[in-house]
PDB file of N, CA and C in Angstrom:
ATOM      1  N   MET A   1     -40.534  56.506  68.397  1.00  0.00           N
ATOM      2  CA  MET A   1     -40.253  56.010  67.079  1.00  0.00           C
ATOM      3  C   MET A   1     -40.493  54.500  67.032  1.00  0.00           C
ATOM      4  N   GLN A   2     -41.256  54.057  66.067  1.00  0.00           N
ATOM      5  CA  GLN A   2     -41.583  52.648  65.925  1.00  0.00           C
ATOM      6  C   GLN A   2     -40.467  51.923  65.186  1.00  0.00           C
ATOM      7  N   SER A   3     -40.079  50.749  65.735  1.00  0.00           N
ATOM      8  CA  SER A   3     -39.034  49.982  65.053  1.00  0.00           C
ATOM      9  C   SER A   3     -39.607  49.304  63.810  1.00  0.00           C
ATOM     10  N   LYS A   4     -38.742  48.987  62.894  1.00  0.00           N
ATOM     11  CA  LYS A   4     -39.168  48.343  61.653  1.00  0.00           C
ATOM     12  C   LYS A   4     -39.521  46.883  61.934  1.00  0.00           C
ATOM     13  N   PRO A   5     -40.627  46.390  61.354  1.00  0.00           N
ATOM     14  CA  PRO A   5     -41.044  45.009  61.623  1.00  0.00           C
ATOM     15  C   PRO A   5     -40.088  43.991  60.992  1.00  0.00           C
ATOM     16  N   LEU A   6     -40.027  42.836  61.636  1.00  0.00           N
ATOM     17  CA  LEU A   6     -39.219  41.741  61.120  1.00  0.00           C
ATOM     18  C   LEU A   6     -39.900  41.150  59.888  1.00  0.00           C
ATOM     19  N   ILE A   7     -39.138  40.969  58.841  1.00  0.00           N
ATOM     20  CA  ILE A   7     -39.601  40.349  57.605  1.00  0.00           C
ATOM     21  C   ILE A   7     -38.977  38.958  57.507  1.00  0.00           C
ATOM     22  N   SER A   8     -39.789  37.958  57.230  1.00  0.00           N
ATOM     23  CA  SER A   8     -39.280  36.602  57.011  1.00  0.00           C
ATOM     24  C   SER A   8     -39.185  36.353  55.513  1.00  0.00           C
ATOM     25  N   ILE A   9     -37.999  35.967  55.086  1.00  0.00           N
ATOM     26  CA  ILE A   9     -37.762  35.619  53.692  1.00  0.00           C
ATOM     27  C   ILE A   9     -37.633  34.100  53.634  1.00  0.00           C
ATOM     28  N   LEU A  10     -38.438  33.469  52.799  1.00  0.00           N
ATOM     29  CA  LEU A  10     -38.423  32.016  52.689  1.00  0.00           C
ATOM     30  C   LEU A  10     -37.709  31.612  51.409  1.00  0.00           C
ATOM     31  N   LEU A  11     -36.734  30.733  51.543  1.00  0.00           N
ATOM     32  CA  LEU A  11     -35.988  30.267  50.381  1.00  0.00           C
ATOM     33  C   LEU A  11     -35.830  28.756  50.483  1.00  0.00           C
ATOM     34  N   CYS A  12     -36.532  28.051  49.622  1.00  0.00           N
ATOM     35  CA  CYS A  12     -36.423  26.599  49.556  1.00  0.00           C
ATOM     36  C   CYS A  12     -35.580  26.256  48.331  1.00  0.00           C
ATOM     37  N   VAL A  13     -34.593  25.410  48.542  1.00  0.00           N
ATOM     38  CA  VAL A  13     -33.610  25.125  47.496  1.00  0.00           C
ATOM     39  C   VAL A  13     -33.572  23.634  47.204  1.00  0.00           C
ATOM     40  N   TYR A  14     -33.623  23.303  45.932  1.00  0.00           N
ATOM     41  CA  TYR A  14     -33.367  21.935  45.487  1.00  0.00           C
ATOM     42  C   TYR A  14     -32.445  22.026  44.270  1.00  0.00           C
ATOM     43  N   ASN A  15     -31.206  21.620  44.463  1.00  0.00           N
ATOM     44  CA  ASN A  15     -30.190  21.653  43.406  1.00  0.00           C
ATOM     45  C   ASN A  15     -30.115  23.031  42.724  1.00  0.00           C
ATOM     46  N   GLY A  16     -29.999  24.053  43.539  1.00  0.00           N
ATOM     47  CA  GLY A  16     -29.974  25.415  43.023  1.00  0.00           C
ATOM     48  C   GLY A  16     -28.613  26.065  43.004  1.00  0.00           C
ATOM     49  N   GLU A  17     -27.564  25.265  42.949  1.00  0.00           N
ATOM     50  CA  GLU A  17     -26.217  25.824  43.069  1.00  0.00           C
ATOM     51  C   GLU A  17     -25.897  26.895  42.029  1.00  0.00           C
ATOM     52  N   LYS A  18     -26.523  26.842  40.870  1.00  0.00           N
ATOM     53  CA  LYS A  18     -26.183  27.779  39.798  1.00  0.00           C
ATOM     54  C   LYS A  18     -26.464  29.232  40.193  1.00  0.00           C
ATOM     55  N   TYR A  19     -27.561  29.474  40.899  1.00  0.00           N
ATOM     56  CA  TYR A  19     -27.954  30.844  41.242  1.00  0.00           C
ATOM     57  C   TYR A  19     -27.992  31.114  42.747  1.00  0.00           C
ATOM     58  N   LEU A  20     -27.701  30.128  43.553  1.00  0.00           N
ATOM     59  CA  LEU A  20     -27.859  30.248  45.003  1.00  0.00           C
ATOM     60  C   LEU A  20     -26.975  31.325  45.614  1.00  0.00           C
ATOM     61  N   ASN A  21     -25.717  31.358  45.252  1.00  0.00           N
ATOM     62  CA  ASN A  21     -24.798  32.365  45.794  1.00  0.00           C
ATOM     63  C   ASN A  21     -25.318  33.774  45.487  1.00  0.00           C
ATOM     64  N   GLU A  22     -25.695  34.001  44.246  1.00  0.00           N
ATOM     65  CA  GLU A  22     -26.203  35.303  43.812  1.00  0.00           C
ATOM     66  C   GLU A  22     -27.499  35.667  44.552  1.00  0.00           C
ATOM     67  N   CYS A  23     -28.349  34.686  44.757  1.00  0.00           N
ATOM     68  CA  CYS A  23     -29.623  34.921  45.439  1.00  0.00           C
ATOM     69  C   CYS A  23     -29.401  35.356  46.890  1.00  0.00           C
ATOM     70  N   ILE A  24     -28.600  34.607  47.625  1.00  0.00           N
ATOM     71  CA  ILE A  24     -28.344  34.945  49.030  1.00  0.00           C
ATOM     72  C   ILE A  24     -27.611  36.277  49.130  1.00  0.00           C
ATOM     73  N   GLN A  25     -26.651  36.512  48.265  1.00  0.00           N
ATOM     74  CA  GLN A  25     -25.916  37.774  48.268  1.00  0.00           C
ATOM     75  C   GLN A  25     -26.865  38.949  48.038  1.00  0.00           C
ATOM     76  N   SER A  26     -27.828  38.787  47.170  1.00  0.00           N
ATOM     77  CA  SER A  26     -28.820  39.830  46.903  1.00  0.00           C
ATOM     78  C   SER A  26     -29.632  40.154  48.154  1.00  0.00           C
ATOM     79  N   ILE A  27     -29.999  39.142  48.905  1.00  0.00           N
ATOM     80  CA  ILE A  27     -30.740  39.354  50.152  1.00  0.00           C
ATOM     81  C   ILE A  27     -29.878  40.135  51.142  1.00  0.00           C
ATOM     82  N   LEU A  28     -28.629  39.754  51.253  1.00  0.00           N
ATOM     83  CA  LEU A  28     -27.717  40.429  52.188  1.00  0.00           C
ATOM     84  C   LEU A  28     -27.497  41.896  51.828  1.00  0.00           C
ATOM     85  N   GLU A  29     -27.613  42.237  50.567  1.00  0.00           N
ATOM     86  CA  GLU A  29     -27.349  43.597  50.119  1.00  0.00           C
ATOM     87  C   GLU A  29     -28.572  44.514  50.148  1.00  0.00           C
ATOM     88  N   GLN A  30     -29.703  44.011  50.585  1.00  0.00           N
ATOM     89  CA  GLN A  30     -30.901  44.852  50.665  1.00  0.00           C
ATOM     90  C   GLN A  30     -30.701  45.981  51.670  1.00  0.00           C
ATOM     91  N   THR A  31     -31.341  47.110  51.433  1.00  0.00           N
ATOM     92  CA  THR A  31     -31.218  48.243  52.349  1.00  0.00           C
ATOM     93  C   THR A  31     -32.047  48.027  53.616  1.00  0.00           C
ATOM     94  N   TYR A  32     -33.125  47.287  53.525  1.00  0.00           N
ATOM     95  CA  TYR A  32     -33.927  46.938  54.697  1.00  0.00           C
ATOM     96  C   TYR A  32     -33.202  45.813  55.424  1.00  0.00           C
ATOM     97  N   LYS A  33     -32.866  46.020  56.678  1.00  0.00           N
ATOM     98  CA  LYS A  33     -31.986  45.082  57.381  1.00  0.00           C
ATOM     99  C   LYS A  33     -32.678  44.220  58.434  1.00  0.00           C
ATOM    100  N   ASN A  34     -33.923  44.513  58.778  1.00  0.00           N
ATOM    101  CA  ASN A  34     -34.593  43.741  59.829  1.00  0.00           C
ATOM    102  C   ASN A  34     -35.348  42.566  59.197  1.00  0.00           C
ATOM    103  N   TRP A  35     -34.593  41.542  58.855  1.00  0.00           N
ATOM    104  CA  TRP A  35     -35.157  40.359  58.217  1.00  0.00           C
ATOM    105  C   TRP A  35     -34.500  39.104  58.766  1.00  0.00           C
ATOM    106  N   GLU A  36     -35.182  38.003  58.527  1.00  0.00           N
ATOM    107  CA  GLU A  36     -34.607  36.684  58.775  1.00  0.00           C
ATOM    108  C   GLU A  36     -34.782  35.886  57.488  1.00  0.00           C
ATOM    109  N   LEU A  37     -33.812  35.062  57.185  1.00  0.00           N
ATOM    110  CA  LEU A  37     -33.888  34.198  56.015  1.00  0.00           C
ATOM    111  C   LEU A  37     -34.059  32.772  56.510  1.00  0.00           C
ATOM    112  N   ILE A  38     -35.201  32.187  56.186  1.00  0.00           N
ATOM    113  CA  ILE A  38     -35.440  30.781  56.490  1.00  0.00           C
ATOM    114  C   ILE A  38     -35.052  30.015  55.226  1.00  0.00           C
ATOM    115  N   LEU A  39     -33.956  29.308  55.288  1.00  0.00           N
ATOM    116  CA  LEU A  39     -33.394  28.642  54.119  1.00  0.00           C
ATOM    117  C   LEU A  39     -33.515  27.134  54.308  1.00  0.00           C
ATOM    118  N   ILE A  40     -34.286  26.504  53.446  1.00  0.00           N
ATOM    119  CA  ILE A  40     -34.490  25.063  53.540  1.00  0.00           C
ATOM    120  C   ILE A  40     -33.867  24.388  52.326  1.00  0.00           C
ATOM    121  N   ASN A  41     -32.913  23.502  52.604  1.00  0.00           N
ATOM    122  CA  ASN A  41     -32.293  22.689  51.571  1.00  0.00           C
ATOM    123  C   ASN A  41     -33.129  21.414  51.466  1.00  0.00           C
ATOM    124  N   ASP A  42     -33.898  21.314  50.409  1.00  0.00           N
ATOM    125  CA  ASP A  42     -34.860  20.230  50.236  1.00  0.00           C
ATOM    126  C   ASP A  42     -34.235  19.024  49.534  1.00  0.00           C
ATOM    127  N   GLY A  43     -33.197  18.486  50.157  1.00  0.00           N
ATOM    128  CA  GLY A  43     -32.585  17.264  49.645  1.00  0.00           C
ATOM    129  C   GLY A  43     -31.695  17.441  48.432  1.00  0.00           C
ATOM    130  N   SER A  44     -31.089  18.597  48.290  1.00  0.00           N
ATOM    131  CA  SER A  44     -30.197  18.833  47.143  1.00  0.00           C
ATOM    132  C   SER A  44     -29.061  17.824  47.115  1.00  0.00           C
ATOM    133  N   ASN A  45     -28.666  17.429  45.911  1.00  0.00           N
ATOM    134  CA  ASN A  45     -27.503  16.551  45.773  1.00  0.00           C
ATOM    135  C   ASN A  45     -26.418  17.215  44.927  1.00  0.00           C
ATOM    136  N   ASP A  46     -26.480  18.543  44.842  1.00  0.00           N
ATOM    137  CA  ASP A  46     -25.429  19.315  44.179  1.00  0.00           C
ATOM    138  C   ASP A  46     -24.605  20.015  45.263  1.00  0.00           C
ATOM    139  N   LYS A  47     -24.012  21.138  44.966  1.00  0.00           N
ATOM    140  CA  LYS A  47     -23.161  21.839  45.936  1.00  0.00           C
ATOM    141  C   LYS A  47     -23.908  22.902  46.744  1.00  0.00           C
ATOM    142  N   SER A  48     -25.219  22.875  46.729  1.00  0.00           N
ATOM    143  CA  SER A  48     -26.015  23.878  47.448  1.00  0.00           C
ATOM    144  C   SER A  48     -25.629  23.968  48.924  1.00  0.00           C
ATOM    145  N   HIS A  49     -25.472  22.829  49.576  1.00  0.00           N
ATOM    146  CA  HIS A  49     -25.133  22.817  51.008  1.00  0.00           C
ATOM    147  C   HIS A  49     -23.841  23.592  51.284  1.00  0.00           C
ATOM    148  N   TYR A  50     -22.853  23.395  50.459  1.00  0.00           N
ATOM    149  CA  TYR A  50     -21.554  24.052  50.659  1.00  0.00           C
ATOM    150  C   TYR A  50     -21.630  25.554  50.379  1.00  0.00           C
ATOM    151  N   ILE A  51     -22.448  25.936  49.435  1.00  0.00           N
ATOM    152  CA  ILE A  51     -22.641  27.360  49.157  1.00  0.00           C
ATOM    153  C   ILE A  51     -23.331  28.028  50.341  1.00  0.00           C
ATOM    154  N   ILE A  52     -24.349  27.382  50.877  1.00  0.00           N
ATOM    155  CA  ILE A  52     -25.093  27.916  52.025  1.00  0.00           C
ATOM    156  C   ILE A  52     -24.181  28.078  53.232  1.00  0.00           C
ATOM    157  N   GLN A  53     -23.316  27.100  53.463  1.00  0.00           N
ATOM    158  CA  GLN A  53     -22.442  27.108  54.635  1.00  0.00           C
ATOM    159  C   GLN A  53     -21.664  28.406  54.797  1.00  0.00           C
ATOM    160  N   LYS A  54     -21.206  28.978  53.717  1.00  0.00           N
ATOM    161  CA  LYS A  54     -20.366  30.173  53.828  1.00  0.00           C
ATOM    162  C   LYS A  54     -21.149  31.416  54.257  1.00  0.00           C
ATOM    163  N   PHE A  55     -22.468  31.351  54.223  1.00  0.00           N
ATOM    164  CA  PHE A  55     -23.287  32.488  54.631  1.00  0.00           C
ATOM    165  C   PHE A  55     -23.809  32.367  56.060  1.00  0.00           C
ATOM    166  N   LEU A  56     -23.588  31.263  56.711  1.00  0.00           N
ATOM    167  CA  LEU A  56     -24.198  31.021  58.018  1.00  0.00           C
ATOM    168  C   LEU A  56     -23.596  31.842  59.157  1.00  0.00           C
ATOM    169  N   LYS A  57     -22.551  32.589  58.885  1.00  0.00           N
ATOM    170  CA  LYS A  57     -22.012  33.471  59.919  1.00  0.00           C
ATOM    171  C   LYS A  57     -22.961  34.632  60.214  1.00  0.00           C
ATOM    172  N   ASP A  58     -23.881  34.901  59.294  1.00  0.00           N
ATOM    173  CA  ASP A  58     -24.901  35.937  59.512  1.00  0.00           C
ATOM    174  C   ASP A  58     -26.025  35.323  60.345  1.00  0.00           C
ATOM    175  N   SER A  59     -26.228  35.847  61.543  1.00  0.00           N
ATOM    176  CA  SER A  59     -27.199  35.260  62.476  1.00  0.00           C
ATOM    177  C   SER A  59     -28.644  35.395  62.001  1.00  0.00           C
ATOM    178  N   ARG A  60     -28.896  36.182  60.985  1.00  0.00           N
ATOM    179  CA  ARG A  60     -30.262  36.317  60.461  1.00  0.00           C
ATOM    180  C   ARG A  60     -30.644  35.154  59.554  1.00  0.00           C
ATOM    181  N   ILE A  61     -29.664  34.333  59.210  1.00  0.00           N
ATOM    182  CA  ILE A  61     -29.922  33.194  58.326  1.00  0.00           C
ATOM    183  C   ILE A  61     -30.098  31.935  59.166  1.00  0.00           C
ATOM    184  N   ARG A  62     -31.254  31.304  59.002  1.00  0.00           N
ATOM    185  CA  ARG A  62     -31.555  30.048  59.694  1.00  0.00           C
ATOM    186  C   ARG A  62     -31.642  28.952  58.634  1.00  0.00           C
ATOM    187  N   TYR A  63     -30.826  27.920  58.796  1.00  0.00           N
ATOM    188  CA  TYR A  63     -30.662  26.888  57.770  1.00  0.00           C
ATOM    189  C   TYR A  63     -31.195  25.549  58.258  1.00  0.00           C
ATOM    190  N   PHE A  64     -31.987  24.909  57.402  1.00  0.00           N
ATOM    191  CA  PHE A  64     -32.540  23.597  57.688  1.00  0.00           C
ATOM    192  C   PHE A  64     -32.297  22.695  56.483  1.00  0.00           C
ATOM    193  N   LYS A  65     -31.758  21.520  56.744  1.00  0.00           N
ATOM    194  CA  LYS A  65     -31.477  20.553  55.688  1.00  0.00           C
ATOM    195  C   LYS A  65     -32.392  19.358  55.915  1.00  0.00           C
ATOM    196  N   GLN A  66     -33.015  18.875  54.842  1.00  0.00           N
ATOM    197  CA  GLN A  66     -33.976  17.785  54.976  1.00  0.00           C
ATOM    198  C   GLN A  66     -33.939  16.901  53.730  1.00  0.00           C
ATOM    199  N   ILE A  67     -34.610  15.752  53.831  1.00  0.00           N
ATOM    200  CA  ILE A  67     -34.793  14.933  52.641  1.00  0.00           C
ATOM    201  C   ILE A  67     -35.799  15.647  51.742  1.00  0.00           C
ATOM    202  N   ASN A  68     -35.800  15.324  50.470  1.00  0.00           N
ATOM    203  CA  ASN A  68     -36.680  15.997  49.514  1.00  0.00           C
ATOM    204  C   ASN A  68     -38.145  15.681  49.797  1.00  0.00           C
ATOM    205  N   ILE A  69     -38.921  16.750  50.086  1.00  0.00           N
ATOM    206  CA  ILE A  69     -40.363  16.595  50.310  1.00  0.00           C
ATOM    207  C   ILE A  69     -41.165  17.474  49.350  1.00  0.00           C
ATOM    208  N   GLY A  70     -40.483  18.226  48.511  1.00  0.00           N
ATOM    209  CA  GLY A  70     -41.163  19.064  47.533  1.00  0.00           C
ATOM    210  C   GLY A  70     -41.332  20.499  47.998  1.00  0.00           C
ATOM    211  N   LEU A  71     -41.596  21.354  47.031  1.00  0.00           N
ATOM    212  CA  LEU A  71     -41.658  22.792  47.289  1.00  0.00           C
ATOM    213  C   LEU A  71     -42.799  23.179  48.230  1.00  0.00           C
ATOM    214  N   THR A  72     -43.988  22.673  47.996  1.00  0.00           N
ATOM    215  CA  THR A  72     -45.139  23.078  48.805  1.00  0.00           C
ATOM    216  C   THR A  72     -44.952  22.730  50.275  1.00  0.00           C
ATOM    217  N   LYS A  73     -44.552  21.504  50.560  1.00  0.00           N
ATOM    218  CA  LYS A  73     -44.336  21.093  51.950  1.00  0.00           C
ATOM    219  C   LYS A  73     -43.167  21.860  52.571  1.00  0.00           C
ATOM    220  N   SER A  74     -42.141  22.124  51.781  1.00  0.00           N
ATOM    221  CA  SER A  74     -40.993  22.881  52.287  1.00  0.00           C
ATOM    222  C   SER A  74     -41.385  24.313  52.636  1.00  0.00           C
ATOM    223  N   LEU A  75     -42.175  24.946  51.783  1.00  0.00           N
ATOM    224  CA  LEU A  75     -42.636  26.307  52.071  1.00  0.00           C
ATOM    225  C   LEU A  75     -43.530  26.338  53.300  1.00  0.00           C
ATOM    226  N   ASN A  76     -44.404  25.357  53.453  1.00  0.00           N
ATOM    227  CA  ASN A  76     -45.249  25.294  54.645  1.00  0.00           C
ATOM    228  C   ASN A  76     -44.404  25.136  55.901  1.00  0.00           C
ATOM    229  N   LYS A  77     -43.355  24.333  55.832  1.00  0.00           N
ATOM    230  CA  LYS A  77     -42.445  24.179  56.963  1.00  0.00           C
ATOM    231  C   LYS A  77     -41.750  25.505  57.264  1.00  0.00           C
ATOM    232  N   ALA A  78     -41.304  26.187  56.225  1.00  0.00           N
ATOM    233  CA  ALA A  78     -40.622  27.477  56.402  1.00  0.00           C
ATOM    234  C   ALA A  78     -41.548  28.504  57.047  1.00  0.00           C
ATOM    235  N   ILE A  79     -42.804  28.515  56.656  1.00  0.00           N
ATOM    236  CA  ILE A  79     -43.776  29.430  57.265  1.00  0.00           C
ATOM    237  C   ILE A  79     -43.901  29.156  58.752  1.00  0.00           C
ATOM    238  N   LYS A  80     -43.982  27.900  59.126  1.00  0.00           N
ATOM    239  CA  LYS A  80     -44.093  27.532  60.541  1.00  0.00           C
ATOM    240  C   LYS A  80     -42.856  27.931  61.339  1.00  0.00           C
ATOM    241  N   LEU A  81     -41.705  27.927  60.686  1.00  0.00           N
ATOM    242  CA  LEU A  81     -40.446  28.279  61.357  1.00  0.00           C
ATOM    243  C   LEU A  81     -40.197  29.785  61.425  1.00  0.00           C
ATOM    244  N   SER A  82     -40.970  30.548  60.665  1.00  0.00           N
ATOM    245  CA  SER A  82     -40.709  31.991  60.576  1.00  0.00           C
ATOM    246  C   SER A  82     -41.219  32.740  61.800  1.00  0.00           C
ATOM    247  N   ASN A  83     -40.563  33.845  62.094  1.00  0.00           N
ATOM    248  CA  ASN A  83     -40.903  34.700  63.234  1.00  0.00           C
ATOM    249  C   ASN A  83     -41.337  36.103  62.800  1.00  0.00           C
ATOM    250  N   GLY A  84     -41.280  36.385  61.534  1.00  0.00           N
ATOM    251  CA  GLY A  84     -41.540  37.736  61.055  1.00  0.00           C
ATOM    252  C   GLY A  84     -42.995  38.138  61.100  1.00  0.00           C
ATOM    253  N   LYS A  85     -43.210  39.432  61.110  1.00  0.00           N
ATOM    254  CA  LYS A  85     -44.557  39.974  61.023  1.00  0.00           C
ATOM    255  C   LYS A  85     -45.088  39.810  59.601  1.00  0.00           C
ATOM    256  N   PHE A  86     -44.184  39.876  58.636  1.00  0.00           N
ATOM    257  CA  PHE A  86     -44.524  39.725  57.227  1.00  0.00           C
ATOM    258  C   PHE A  86     -43.642  38.656  56.604  1.00  0.00           C
ATOM    259  N   ILE A  87     -44.183  37.969  55.593  1.00  0.00           N
ATOM    260  CA  ILE A  87     -43.421  36.945  54.876  1.00  0.00           C
ATOM    261  C   ILE A  87     -43.239  37.403  53.456  1.00  0.00           C
TER     262      ILE A  87
END
């Protein structure tokens, strides 16, 4: 029996506190469980960091905090950090 491939989910956040909790919770509730979440906080100055903190007990979530470099550069960084067969 072949194991299910690892899926990398990329989430770059900049001041996304309004929907961030709901977004991460949705990922956690997926039926497919072999995934990693690469979560990049791109210099948020809202409560995004504190919302993310409460989810870090899940070892599938990898969190990186950085100064704001923009969405494109953040996504490219997330791709480089990912280990999944699919993104």
